[in-house]
């Protein structure tokens, strides 16, 4: 089984030994998702190395309203994984339409059941969860179907003021 950590270690070791042509060929085969993970926007930390089912993820967006912030997520993989999704909570206070100030997250792939088929499925992986959380700050930022209605309405009413509030939250809570 290939894990993200082993892939990154293998890729780091291989970079030094391959020629430029070979490296560029392998880079073309890497998915967009893998490039996002490798470029440093996501970091995993295991508070207790004996509990691999519990870890923290730090997302540091390099674009969007949230650029410059460091957002901590707590991820717990339940005993019934992969039949049920991991439990995820945002530990960083944030002004975001899809994350409440208390850390609840609206991300379809974290739903155990969904009518539209975008929820959790046994074929999903933790890599999908990391990608999804990272994408909440870019591609999946959704003002039209918010969990934090006040944040979404704030954005619709005054985008500049919304940006200012996000920047203030980053300064206060996400450094």
N, C-alpha and C. Protein backbone atom coordinates (compact mmCIF):
# COMPACT_ATOMS: atom_id res chain seq x y z
N UNK A 1 0.84 -1.18 0.00
CA UNK A 1 0.00 0.00 0.00
C UNK A 1 0.88 1.23 0.00
N UNK A 2 0.61 2.16 -0.85
CA UNK A 2 1.36 3.39 -0.96
C UNK A 2 0.69 4.46 -0.14
N UNK A 3 1.43 5.08 0.76
CA UNK A 3 0.90 6.16 1.56
C UNK A 3 1.49 7.47 1.07
N UNK A 4 0.89 8.58 1.46
CA UNK A 4 1.40 9.89 1.06
C UNK A 4 2.82 10.08 1.56
N UNK A 5 3.08 9.72 2.81
CA UNK A 5 4.41 9.90 3.38
C UNK A 5 5.45 9.10 2.61
N UNK A 6 5.14 7.84 2.28
CA UNK A 6 6.12 7.04 1.56
C UNK A 6 6.32 7.55 0.14
N UNK A 7 5.24 8.04 -0.48
CA UNK A 7 5.36 8.60 -1.82
C UNK A 7 6.26 9.83 -1.82
N UNK A 8 6.07 10.70 -0.84
CA UNK A 8 6.89 11.91 -0.77
C UNK A 8 8.35 11.55 -0.52
N UNK A 9 8.61 10.59 0.37
CA UNK A 9 9.98 10.17 0.63
C UNK A 9 10.60 9.59 -0.63
N UNK A 10 9.84 8.73 -1.31
CA UNK A 10 10.34 8.11 -2.53
C UNK A 10 10.62 9.17 -3.59
N UNK A 11 9.71 10.12 -3.75
CA UNK A 11 9.90 11.17 -4.75
C UNK A 11 11.11 12.03 -4.42
N UNK A 12 11.31 12.35 -3.12
CA UNK A 12 12.47 13.14 -2.72
C UNK A 12 13.76 12.41 -3.03
N UNK A 13 13.80 11.11 -2.75
CA UNK A 13 14.99 10.31 -3.01
C UNK A 13 15.27 10.15 -4.48
N UNK A 14 14.23 10.07 -5.28
CA UNK A 14 14.37 9.84 -6.71
C UNK A 14 14.79 11.12 -7.43
N UNK A 15 14.40 12.28 -6.93
CA UNK A 15 14.71 13.54 -7.60
C UNK A 15 16.21 13.71 -7.82
N UNK A 16 16.98 13.35 -6.82
CA UNK A 16 18.42 13.51 -6.92
C UNK A 16 19.06 12.54 -7.89
N UNK A 17 18.46 11.40 -8.14
CA UNK A 17 19.08 10.38 -8.97
C UNK A 17 18.61 10.37 -10.42
N UNK A 18 17.55 11.04 -10.73
CA UNK A 18 17.03 11.04 -12.10
C UNK A 18 17.59 12.21 -12.89
N UNK A 19 17.54 12.07 -14.18
CA UNK A 19 17.93 13.18 -15.04
C UNK A 19 16.76 14.14 -15.16
N UNK A 20 17.02 15.33 -15.67
CA UNK A 20 15.98 16.35 -15.80
C UNK A 20 14.85 15.86 -16.70
N UNK A 21 15.17 15.13 -17.76
CA UNK A 21 14.14 14.63 -18.67
C UNK A 21 13.21 13.66 -17.97
N UNK A 22 13.76 12.72 -17.22
CA UNK A 22 12.95 11.73 -16.52
C UNK A 22 12.07 12.39 -15.48
N UNK A 23 12.63 13.35 -14.74
CA UNK A 23 11.86 14.04 -13.70
C UNK A 23 10.68 14.78 -14.31
N UNK A 24 10.90 15.46 -15.45
CA UNK A 24 9.78 16.19 -16.05
C UNK A 24 8.71 15.24 -16.54
N UNK A 25 9.11 14.03 -17.02
CA UNK A 25 8.12 13.04 -17.43
C UNK A 25 7.28 12.58 -16.26
N UNK A 26 7.91 12.33 -15.11
CA UNK A 26 7.15 11.86 -13.94
C UNK A 26 6.29 12.98 -13.39
N UNK A 27 6.72 14.21 -13.50
CA UNK A 27 5.93 15.34 -13.01
C UNK A 27 4.63 15.46 -13.80
N UNK A 28 4.68 15.17 -15.10
CA UNK A 28 3.47 15.27 -15.91
C UNK A 28 2.43 14.24 -15.50
N UNK A 29 2.85 13.13 -14.93
CA UNK A 29 1.93 12.09 -14.52
C UNK A 29 1.32 12.34 -13.15
N UNK A 30 1.85 13.29 -12.41
CA UNK A 30 1.35 13.58 -11.07
C UNK A 30 0.03 14.34 -11.19
N UNK A 31 -0.95 13.92 -10.39
CA UNK A 31 -2.26 14.57 -10.46
C UNK A 31 -2.20 15.96 -9.83
N UNK A 32 -3.19 16.78 -10.15
CA UNK A 32 -3.30 18.12 -9.58
C UNK A 32 -3.38 18.01 -8.05
N UNK A 33 -4.12 17.04 -7.57
CA UNK A 33 -4.27 16.84 -6.13
C UNK A 33 -2.92 16.59 -5.48
N UNK A 34 -2.10 15.73 -6.09
CA UNK A 34 -0.78 15.44 -5.52
C UNK A 34 0.11 16.67 -5.55
N UNK A 35 0.03 17.44 -6.60
CA UNK A 35 0.83 18.66 -6.66
C UNK A 35 0.44 19.63 -5.55
N UNK A 36 -0.86 19.72 -5.27
CA UNK A 36 -1.30 20.59 -4.17
C UNK A 36 -0.71 20.14 -2.84
N UNK A 37 -0.70 18.84 -2.62
CA UNK A 37 -0.16 18.32 -1.37
C UNK A 37 1.34 18.52 -1.29
N UNK A 38 2.03 18.30 -2.38
CA UNK A 38 3.48 18.37 -2.38
C UNK A 38 3.97 19.81 -2.29
N UNK A 39 3.24 20.76 -2.83
CA UNK A 39 3.76 22.13 -2.84
C UNK A 39 3.72 22.78 -1.47
N UNK A 40 3.29 22.07 -0.48
CA UNK A 40 3.45 22.57 0.88
C UNK A 40 2.24 23.25 1.49
N UNK A 41 1.08 23.18 0.85
CA UNK A 41 -0.09 23.82 1.45
C UNK A 41 -0.71 22.97 2.54
N UNK A 42 -0.35 21.69 2.64
CA UNK A 42 -0.91 20.79 3.65
C UNK A 42 0.20 20.05 4.37
N UNK A 43 0.09 20.02 5.69
CA UNK A 43 1.05 19.27 6.51
C UNK A 43 0.29 18.47 7.55
N UNK A 44 0.74 17.25 7.75
CA UNK A 44 0.10 16.35 8.71
C UNK A 44 0.99 16.22 9.94
N UNK A 45 0.36 16.18 11.11
CA UNK A 45 1.07 16.00 12.37
C UNK A 45 0.33 14.96 13.20
N UNK A 46 1.06 14.01 13.74
CA UNK A 46 0.48 13.00 14.62
C UNK A 46 0.85 13.34 16.06
N UNK A 47 -0.09 13.89 16.85
CA UNK A 47 0.22 14.26 18.23
C UNK A 47 0.69 13.06 19.05
N UNK A 48 0.13 11.89 18.79
CA UNK A 48 0.54 10.67 19.46
C UNK A 48 0.88 9.65 18.38
N UNK A 49 2.18 9.35 18.18
CA UNK A 49 2.56 8.43 17.10
C UNK A 49 2.00 7.02 17.27
N UNK A 50 1.45 6.71 18.43
CA UNK A 50 0.84 5.40 18.65
C UNK A 50 -0.64 5.38 18.26
N UNK A 51 -1.18 6.52 17.89
CA UNK A 51 -2.59 6.62 17.48
C UNK A 51 -2.64 7.18 16.06
N UNK A 52 -2.41 6.31 15.10
CA UNK A 52 -2.40 6.75 13.71
C UNK A 52 -3.79 7.10 13.19
N UNK A 53 -4.81 6.77 13.94
CA UNK A 53 -6.18 7.09 13.54
C UNK A 53 -6.57 8.51 13.95
N UNK A 54 -5.68 9.21 14.62
CA UNK A 54 -5.95 10.58 15.06
C UNK A 54 -4.77 11.45 14.66
N UNK A 55 -5.05 12.49 13.86
CA UNK A 55 -3.97 13.38 13.44
C UNK A 55 -4.51 14.78 13.18
N UNK A 56 -3.58 15.72 13.07
CA UNK A 56 -3.92 17.10 12.76
C UNK A 56 -3.40 17.43 11.38
N UNK A 57 -4.15 18.24 10.68
CA UNK A 57 -3.78 18.70 9.36
C UNK A 57 -3.71 20.22 9.40
N UNK A 58 -2.62 20.77 8.89
CA UNK A 58 -2.50 22.21 8.76
C UNK A 58 -2.59 22.56 7.29
N UNK A 59 -3.52 23.44 6.96
CA UNK A 59 -3.68 23.92 5.59
C UNK A 59 -3.22 25.38 5.57
N UNK A 60 -2.28 25.68 4.69
CA UNK A 60 -1.75 27.03 4.53
C UNK A 60 -1.99 27.48 3.09
N UNK A 61 -3.16 28.03 2.80
CA UNK A 61 -3.49 28.40 1.42
C UNK A 61 -2.49 29.41 0.85
N UNK A 62 -2.14 29.23 -0.41
CA UNK A 62 -1.22 30.17 -1.04
C UNK A 62 -1.94 31.06 -2.07
N UNK A 63 -3.27 31.04 -2.00
CA UNK A 63 -4.08 31.93 -2.84
C UNK A 63 -5.44 32.12 -2.16
N UNK A 64 -6.25 32.97 -2.67
CA UNK A 64 -7.61 33.26 -2.20
C UNK A 64 -7.62 34.22 -1.01
N UNK A 65 -8.80 34.45 -0.47
CA UNK A 65 -8.98 35.31 0.69
C UNK A 65 -8.13 34.84 1.87
N UNK A 66 -7.85 33.56 1.94
CA UNK A 66 -7.24 32.94 3.11
C UNK A 66 -5.73 32.78 3.01
N UNK A 67 -5.14 33.36 1.97
CA UNK A 67 -3.70 33.30 1.77
C UNK A 67 -2.98 33.87 2.99
N UNK A 68 -1.96 33.18 3.44
CA UNK A 68 -1.18 33.66 4.58
C UNK A 68 -1.64 33.10 5.92
N UNK A 69 -2.79 32.43 5.94
CA UNK A 69 -3.27 31.83 7.19
C UNK A 69 -2.82 30.39 7.32
N UNK A 70 -2.82 29.93 8.56
CA UNK A 70 -2.53 28.51 8.84
C UNK A 70 -3.71 27.98 9.62
N UNK A 71 -4.42 27.05 9.02
CA UNK A 71 -5.67 26.55 9.58
C UNK A 71 -5.50 25.09 10.00
N UNK A 72 -5.81 24.83 11.27
CA UNK A 72 -5.62 23.51 11.86
C UNK A 72 -6.93 22.72 11.83
N UNK A 73 -6.84 21.48 11.40
CA UNK A 73 -7.98 20.57 11.40
C UNK A 73 -7.62 19.33 12.21
N UNK A 74 -8.58 18.86 12.98
CA UNK A 74 -8.44 17.63 13.74
C UNK A 74 -9.17 16.54 12.97
N UNK A 75 -8.50 15.44 12.71
CA UNK A 75 -9.10 14.36 11.93
C UNK A 75 -9.00 13.08 12.74
N UNK A 76 -10.16 12.46 12.94
CA UNK A 76 -10.22 11.19 13.66
C UNK A 76 -10.85 10.15 12.74
N UNK A 77 -10.14 9.06 12.54
CA UNK A 77 -10.61 7.99 11.69
C UNK A 77 -11.33 6.98 12.58
N UNK A 78 -12.64 6.80 12.38
CA UNK A 78 -13.40 5.89 13.25
C UNK A 78 -13.11 4.42 12.96
N UNK A 79 -13.50 3.58 13.89
CA UNK A 79 -13.30 2.13 13.73
C UNK A 79 -13.96 1.59 12.46
N UNK A 80 -15.08 2.18 12.07
CA UNK A 80 -15.83 1.69 10.90
C UNK A 80 -15.29 2.24 9.56
N UNK A 81 -14.17 2.99 9.59
CA UNK A 81 -13.56 3.48 8.35
C UNK A 81 -13.18 2.28 7.51
N UNK A 82 -13.43 2.21 6.34
CA UNK A 82 -13.75 3.13 5.30
C UNK A 82 -15.22 3.10 4.89
N UNK A 83 -16.01 2.47 5.71
CA UNK A 83 -17.45 2.47 5.44
C UNK A 83 -18.08 3.78 5.88
N UNK A 84 -17.46 4.49 6.80
CA UNK A 84 -17.94 5.81 7.25
C UNK A 84 -16.78 6.80 7.12
N UNK A 85 -17.10 8.08 6.93
CA UNK A 85 -16.04 9.07 6.75
C UNK A 85 -15.33 9.39 8.07
N UNK A 86 -14.14 9.96 7.95
CA UNK A 86 -13.47 10.43 9.16
C UNK A 86 -14.23 11.61 9.75
N UNK A 87 -14.03 11.83 11.05
CA UNK A 87 -14.62 12.99 11.71
C UNK A 87 -13.59 14.11 11.65
N UNK A 88 -14.04 15.26 11.17
CA UNK A 88 -13.13 16.38 10.96
C UNK A 88 -13.69 17.63 11.64
N UNK A 89 -12.81 18.36 12.30
CA UNK A 89 -13.21 19.62 12.94
C UNK A 89 -12.11 20.63 12.70
N UNK A 90 -12.50 21.87 12.42
CA UNK A 90 -11.54 22.95 12.26
C UNK A 90 -11.24 23.51 13.65
N UNK A 91 -9.97 23.51 14.02
CA UNK A 91 -9.57 24.00 15.34
C UNK A 91 -9.24 25.48 15.35
N UNK A 92 -9.10 26.07 14.17
CA UNK A 92 -8.76 27.48 14.04
C UNK A 92 -10.03 28.28 13.82
N UNK A 93 -10.19 29.34 14.60
CA UNK A 93 -11.36 30.20 14.39
C UNK A 93 -11.20 30.88 13.03
N UNK A 94 -12.27 30.86 12.25
CA UNK A 94 -12.20 31.31 10.87
C UNK A 94 -13.52 31.95 10.45
N UNK A 95 -13.44 32.90 9.54
CA UNK A 95 -14.62 33.53 8.94
C UNK A 95 -14.73 32.95 7.54
N UNK A 96 -15.62 31.98 7.38
CA UNK A 96 -15.69 31.20 6.15
C UNK A 96 -17.13 30.73 5.96
N UNK A 97 -17.65 30.74 4.73
CA UNK A 97 -19.04 30.34 4.53
C UNK A 97 -19.29 28.84 4.74
N UNK A 98 -18.25 28.02 4.64
CA UNK A 98 -18.43 26.57 4.74
C UNK A 98 -17.87 25.97 6.02
N UNK A 99 -17.39 26.85 6.93
CA UNK A 99 -16.86 26.42 8.22
C UNK A 99 -17.40 27.38 9.28
N UNK A 100 -18.02 26.82 10.32
CA UNK A 100 -18.53 27.70 11.38
C UNK A 100 -17.39 28.14 12.28
N UNK A 101 -17.64 29.16 13.07
CA UNK A 101 -16.62 29.65 14.00
C UNK A 101 -16.33 28.62 15.09
N UNK A 102 -17.21 27.65 15.27
CA UNK A 102 -16.98 26.59 16.26
C UNK A 102 -16.33 25.35 15.64
N UNK A 103 -16.04 25.39 14.34
CA UNK A 103 -15.28 24.33 13.70
C UNK A 103 -16.04 23.29 12.90
N UNK A 104 -17.36 23.41 12.80
CA UNK A 104 -18.11 22.48 11.96
C UNK A 104 -17.79 22.77 10.49
N UNK A 105 -17.77 21.71 9.69
CA UNK A 105 -17.36 21.84 8.30
C UNK A 105 -18.44 21.32 7.36
N UNK A 106 -18.71 22.09 6.32
CA UNK A 106 -19.64 21.66 5.28
C UNK A 106 -18.81 21.27 4.06
N UNK A 107 -18.61 19.96 3.92
CA UNK A 107 -17.87 19.42 2.79
C UNK A 107 -18.55 18.12 2.42
N UNK A 108 -19.08 18.05 1.22
CA UNK A 108 -19.93 16.92 0.84
C UNK A 108 -19.28 15.56 1.06
N UNK A 109 -18.00 15.42 0.79
CA UNK A 109 -17.40 14.10 0.92
C UNK A 109 -17.31 13.64 2.37
N UNK A 110 -17.54 14.54 3.34
CA UNK A 110 -17.55 14.15 4.75
C UNK A 110 -18.93 13.69 5.21
N UNK A 111 -19.92 13.79 4.32
CA UNK A 111 -21.27 13.32 4.66
C UNK A 111 -21.36 11.82 4.48
N UNK A 112 -21.91 11.17 5.48
CA UNK A 112 -22.04 9.72 5.39
C UNK A 112 -23.07 9.32 4.34
N UNK A 113 -24.13 10.08 4.26
CA UNK A 113 -25.18 9.80 3.28
C UNK A 113 -25.48 11.08 2.51
N UNK A 114 -25.59 10.96 1.21
CA UNK A 114 -25.99 12.12 0.41
C UNK A 114 -26.84 11.66 -0.75
N UNK A 115 -27.80 12.46 -1.08
CA UNK A 115 -28.72 12.14 -2.17
C UNK A 115 -28.04 12.25 -3.53
N UNK A 116 -27.14 13.24 -3.66
CA UNK A 116 -26.53 13.50 -4.96
C UNK A 116 -25.32 12.62 -5.28
N UNK A 117 -24.93 11.75 -4.37
CA UNK A 117 -23.82 10.85 -4.64
C UNK A 117 -22.44 11.44 -4.42
N UNK A 118 -22.36 12.66 -3.89
CA UNK A 118 -21.05 13.29 -3.67
C UNK A 118 -20.53 13.05 -2.27
N UNK A 119 -21.28 12.35 -1.45
CA UNK A 119 -20.86 12.08 -0.08
C UNK A 119 -19.82 10.98 0.01
N UNK A 120 -19.62 10.53 1.23
CA UNK A 120 -18.60 9.51 1.48
C UNK A 120 -18.96 8.20 0.79
N UNK A 121 -17.94 7.52 0.30
CA UNK A 121 -18.07 6.19 -0.27
C UNK A 121 -16.84 5.39 0.14
N UNK A 122 -16.95 4.08 0.25
CA UNK A 122 -15.80 3.27 0.66
C UNK A 122 -14.59 3.41 -0.27
N UNK A 123 -14.80 3.92 -1.46
CA UNK A 123 -13.69 4.10 -2.39
C UNK A 123 -12.91 5.38 -2.12
N UNK A 124 -13.44 6.23 -1.27
CA UNK A 124 -12.74 7.48 -0.92
C UNK A 124 -11.59 7.16 0.04
N UNK A 125 -10.62 8.06 0.07
CA UNK A 125 -9.45 7.87 0.92
C UNK A 125 -9.19 9.11 1.77
N UNK A 126 -8.26 8.98 2.68
CA UNK A 126 -7.86 10.14 3.49
C UNK A 126 -7.23 11.21 2.61
N UNK A 127 -6.62 10.80 1.54
CA UNK A 127 -6.06 11.76 0.59
C UNK A 127 -7.17 12.65 0.01
N UNK A 128 -8.34 12.05 -0.24
CA UNK A 128 -9.49 12.82 -0.73
C UNK A 128 -9.93 13.85 0.32
N UNK A 129 -9.87 13.46 1.58
CA UNK A 129 -10.26 14.37 2.67
C UNK A 129 -9.28 15.55 2.72
N UNK A 130 -7.98 15.25 2.64
CA UNK A 130 -6.96 16.32 2.66
C UNK A 130 -7.18 17.24 1.47
N UNK A 131 -7.38 16.67 0.30
CA UNK A 131 -7.63 17.48 -0.89
C UNK A 131 -8.87 18.36 -0.71
N UNK A 132 -9.94 17.76 -0.18
CA UNK A 132 -11.18 18.51 0.02
C UNK A 132 -11.02 19.66 0.99
N UNK A 133 -10.33 19.43 2.11
CA UNK A 133 -10.12 20.50 3.09
C UNK A 133 -9.26 21.61 2.49
N UNK A 134 -8.23 21.24 1.75
CA UNK A 134 -7.40 22.24 1.09
C UNK A 134 -8.23 23.04 0.09
N UNK A 135 -9.10 22.36 -0.64
CA UNK A 135 -9.92 23.01 -1.67
C UNK A 135 -11.02 23.90 -1.11
N UNK A 136 -11.35 23.75 0.18
CA UNK A 136 -12.34 24.66 0.79
C UNK A 136 -11.86 26.11 0.76
N UNK A 137 -10.57 26.29 0.57
CA UNK A 137 -10.02 27.64 0.54
C UNK A 137 -9.87 28.17 -0.89
N UNK A 138 -10.15 27.32 -1.88
CA UNK A 138 -10.02 27.73 -3.28
C UNK A 138 -11.22 27.25 -4.09
N UNK A 139 -11.08 26.11 -4.75
CA UNK A 139 -12.09 25.59 -5.68
C UNK A 139 -13.45 25.33 -5.04
N UNK A 140 -13.47 24.83 -3.81
CA UNK A 140 -14.73 24.43 -3.18
C UNK A 140 -15.31 25.50 -2.26
N UNK A 141 -14.70 26.68 -2.22
CA UNK A 141 -15.25 27.80 -1.45
C UNK A 141 -16.62 28.12 -2.03
N UNK A 142 -17.68 27.93 -1.22
CA UNK A 142 -19.04 28.00 -1.76
C UNK A 142 -19.89 28.98 -0.95
N UNK A 143 -20.20 30.10 -1.57
CA UNK A 143 -21.04 31.11 -0.92
C UNK A 143 -22.53 30.86 -1.18
N UNK A 144 -22.83 29.97 -2.11
CA UNK A 144 -24.22 29.72 -2.49
C UNK A 144 -24.92 28.67 -1.62
N UNK A 145 -24.17 27.81 -0.98
CA UNK A 145 -24.74 26.77 -0.11
C UNK A 145 -23.95 26.75 1.20
N UNK A 146 -24.10 27.83 2.01
CA UNK A 146 -23.24 27.99 3.17
C UNK A 146 -23.71 27.24 4.41
N UNK A 147 -22.76 26.94 5.26
CA UNK A 147 -23.05 26.47 6.61
C UNK A 147 -23.06 27.68 7.55
N UNK A 148 -22.13 28.60 7.31
CA UNK A 148 -22.07 29.86 8.05
C UNK A 148 -22.77 30.92 7.19
N UNK A 149 -24.07 31.02 7.37
CA UNK A 149 -24.90 31.91 6.55
C UNK A 149 -24.47 33.37 6.71
N UNK A 150 -24.12 33.75 7.91
CA UNK A 150 -23.71 35.14 8.17
C UNK A 150 -22.46 35.50 7.35
N UNK A 151 -21.50 34.61 7.25
CA UNK A 151 -20.29 34.87 6.46
C UNK A 151 -20.63 34.99 4.98
N UNK A 152 -21.50 34.10 4.48
CA UNK A 152 -21.88 34.15 3.07
C UNK A 152 -22.63 35.43 2.74
N UNK A 153 -23.55 35.83 3.61
CA UNK A 153 -24.29 37.07 3.38
C UNK A 153 -23.36 38.28 3.45
N UNK A 154 -22.39 38.23 4.35
CA UNK A 154 -21.41 39.31 4.47
C UNK A 154 -20.65 39.46 3.15
N UNK A 155 -20.25 38.36 2.54
CA UNK A 155 -19.53 38.38 1.27
C UNK A 155 -20.41 38.97 0.16
N UNK A 156 -21.68 38.56 0.13
CA UNK A 156 -22.58 39.07 -0.91
C UNK A 156 -22.83 40.56 -0.76
N UNK A 157 -22.89 41.03 0.48
CA UNK A 157 -23.18 42.43 0.75
C UNK A 157 -21.98 43.34 0.46
N UNK A 158 -20.77 42.92 0.88
CA UNK A 158 -19.60 43.79 0.74
C UNK A 158 -18.33 42.94 0.71
N UNK A 159 -17.85 42.66 -0.50
CA UNK A 159 -16.69 41.78 -0.66
C UNK A 159 -15.43 42.36 -0.02
N UNK A 160 -15.24 43.67 -0.11
CA UNK A 160 -14.06 44.29 0.50
C UNK A 160 -14.09 44.17 2.02
N UNK A 161 -15.24 44.40 2.61
CA UNK A 161 -15.37 44.28 4.06
C UNK A 161 -15.21 42.82 4.48
N UNK A 162 -15.71 41.91 3.66
CA UNK A 162 -15.52 40.48 3.93
C UNK A 162 -14.03 40.14 3.97
N UNK A 163 -13.31 40.60 2.95
CA UNK A 163 -11.85 40.37 2.88
C UNK A 163 -11.17 40.93 4.13
N UNK A 164 -11.57 42.13 4.55
CA UNK A 164 -10.97 42.73 5.75
C UNK A 164 -11.22 41.88 6.99
N UNK A 165 -12.42 41.34 7.11
CA UNK A 165 -12.74 40.51 8.28
C UNK A 165 -11.94 39.20 8.24
N UNK A 166 -11.82 38.60 7.06
CA UNK A 166 -11.02 37.38 6.92
C UNK A 166 -9.57 37.67 7.32
N UNK A 167 -9.02 38.77 6.83
CA UNK A 167 -7.64 39.14 7.17
C UNK A 167 -7.48 39.37 8.66
N UNK A 168 -8.48 40.00 9.29
CA UNK A 168 -8.43 40.21 10.74
C UNK A 168 -8.44 38.87 11.48
N UNK A 169 -9.27 37.94 11.05
CA UNK A 169 -9.31 36.61 11.67
C UNK A 169 -7.97 35.89 11.49
N UNK A 170 -7.37 36.03 10.33
CA UNK A 170 -6.07 35.39 10.08
C UNK A 170 -5.04 35.96 11.04
N UNK A 171 -4.99 37.28 11.17
CA UNK A 171 -4.04 37.93 12.08
C UNK A 171 -4.24 37.48 13.53
N UNK A 172 -5.50 37.36 13.92
CA UNK A 172 -5.80 37.03 15.32
C UNK A 172 -5.72 35.55 15.65
N UNK A 173 -6.11 34.69 14.71
CA UNK A 173 -6.27 33.27 15.05
C UNK A 173 -5.44 32.30 14.19
N UNK A 174 -4.95 32.72 13.04
CA UNK A 174 -4.38 31.75 12.10
C UNK A 174 -2.92 32.01 11.75
N UNK A 175 -2.16 32.49 12.67
CA UNK A 175 -0.72 32.73 12.39
C UNK A 175 0.14 31.69 13.04
